[in-house]
Protein backbone atom coordinates (compact mmCIF):
# COMPACT_ATOMS: atom_id res chain seq x y z
CA MET A 1 -8.33 -0.91 20.76
CA ALA A 2 -4.62 -0.84 21.59
CA LYS A 3 -2.47 1.83 20.02
CA VAL A 4 -0.41 1.01 16.98
CA GLU A 5 3.24 1.38 17.97
CA VAL A 6 5.67 2.77 15.39
CA LYS A 7 9.40 2.48 16.11
CA VAL A 8 11.69 4.38 13.75
CA CYS A 9 15.29 3.20 13.74
CA LEU A 10 17.64 6.12 14.39
CA GLY A 11 20.83 4.09 14.06
CA THR A 12 23.57 5.45 11.83
CA THR A 13 22.94 3.11 8.89
CA CYS A 14 19.20 3.77 8.83
CA TYR A 15 19.66 7.49 9.26
CA VAL A 16 22.17 7.71 6.41
CA MET A 17 20.12 5.43 4.14
CA GLY A 18 17.09 7.73 4.30
CA GLY A 19 15.76 7.47 7.83
CA SER A 20 16.24 11.19 8.28
CA ASN A 21 13.31 11.67 5.87
CA LEU A 22 11.07 9.73 8.25
CA GLN A 23 11.04 12.67 10.66
CA GLU A 24 7.99 13.83 8.69
CA LEU A 25 6.03 11.12 10.49
CA ASN A 26 6.21 13.23 13.68
CA ASP A 27 3.96 15.81 12.00
CA ILE A 28 1.75 13.53 9.90
CA ILE A 29 0.83 10.81 12.39
CA PRO A 30 -0.71 13.00 15.13
CA ARG A 31 -2.80 14.91 12.56
CA LYS A 32 -3.95 11.84 10.65
CA TYR A 33 -4.48 9.28 13.43
CA GLY A 34 -4.80 11.27 16.65
CA ASP A 35 -4.05 9.13 19.68
CA LYS A 36 -4.47 5.78 17.87
CA VAL A 37 -0.78 5.66 16.95
CA GLU A 38 2.31 6.14 19.09
CA ILE A 39 5.55 7.00 17.33
CA MET A 40 8.97 6.69 18.91
CA GLY A 41 12.59 6.58 17.89
CA ALA A 42 14.81 3.61 18.63
CA ASN A 43 18.59 3.92 19.00
CA CYS A 44 18.96 0.89 16.74
CA LEU A 45 16.58 -1.93 15.89
CA GLY A 46 19.55 -4.16 15.03
CA LEU A 47 17.96 -5.33 11.79
CA CYS A 48 20.76 -4.32 9.40
CA SER A 49 23.27 -6.44 11.30
CA ILE A 50 21.27 -9.62 10.65
CA ASN A 51 22.43 -9.73 7.04
CA TRP A 52 24.63 -6.74 6.33
CA GLU A 53 25.28 -7.64 2.68
CA TYR A 54 21.58 -7.40 1.85
CA SER A 55 20.65 -4.57 4.20
CA LYS A 56 17.37 -2.87 3.37
CA ALA A 57 17.68 0.18 5.61
CA PRO A 58 16.00 2.31 6.77
CA TYR A 59 13.86 0.14 9.02
CA VAL A 60 10.64 0.90 10.87
CA LYS A 61 8.63 -1.49 13.04
CA VAL A 62 4.87 -1.02 13.05
CA ASP A 63 3.83 -3.13 16.01
CA GLU A 64 5.88 -6.24 15.20
CA GLU A 65 5.81 -5.84 11.40
CA VAL A 66 9.13 -4.73 9.93
CA VAL A 67 9.01 -2.19 7.12
CA THR A 68 12.18 -2.41 5.01
CA GLU A 69 13.46 0.43 2.85
CA ALA A 70 10.96 2.48 4.78
CA THR A 71 9.42 5.62 3.38
CA VAL A 72 6.72 7.82 4.86
CA GLU A 73 4.25 6.39 2.35
CA LYS A 74 5.11 2.75 3.12
CA VAL A 75 4.78 3.32 6.88
CA LEU A 76 1.42 5.08 6.48
CA GLU A 77 0.13 2.20 4.32
CA VAL A 78 1.00 -0.33 7.03
CA ILE A 79 -0.64 1.82 9.74
CA ASP A 80 -3.79 2.22 7.61
CA ARG A 81 -3.98 -1.55 7.13
CA LYS A 82 -3.53 -2.21 10.86
CA LEU A 83 -6.20 0.30 11.83
CA GLY A 84 -8.51 -1.30 9.27
């Protein structure tokens, strides 16, 4: 089975809108999923610029699925679903 890839946007908008709280994932993911999940930061996923007026930052991509208004809980739910 391929690893689930988690990309956390570290761009300014995402960071200010709550992305800084997603740093918890660095501790939780290795303990909970071992080597089944790879977490990485991304300078900017460019998602808030698609429609700035309705931005739903912070953003996280779990594989190719975009998590809007991301929280630790929402990201873990998507990972759990993907790992089945």
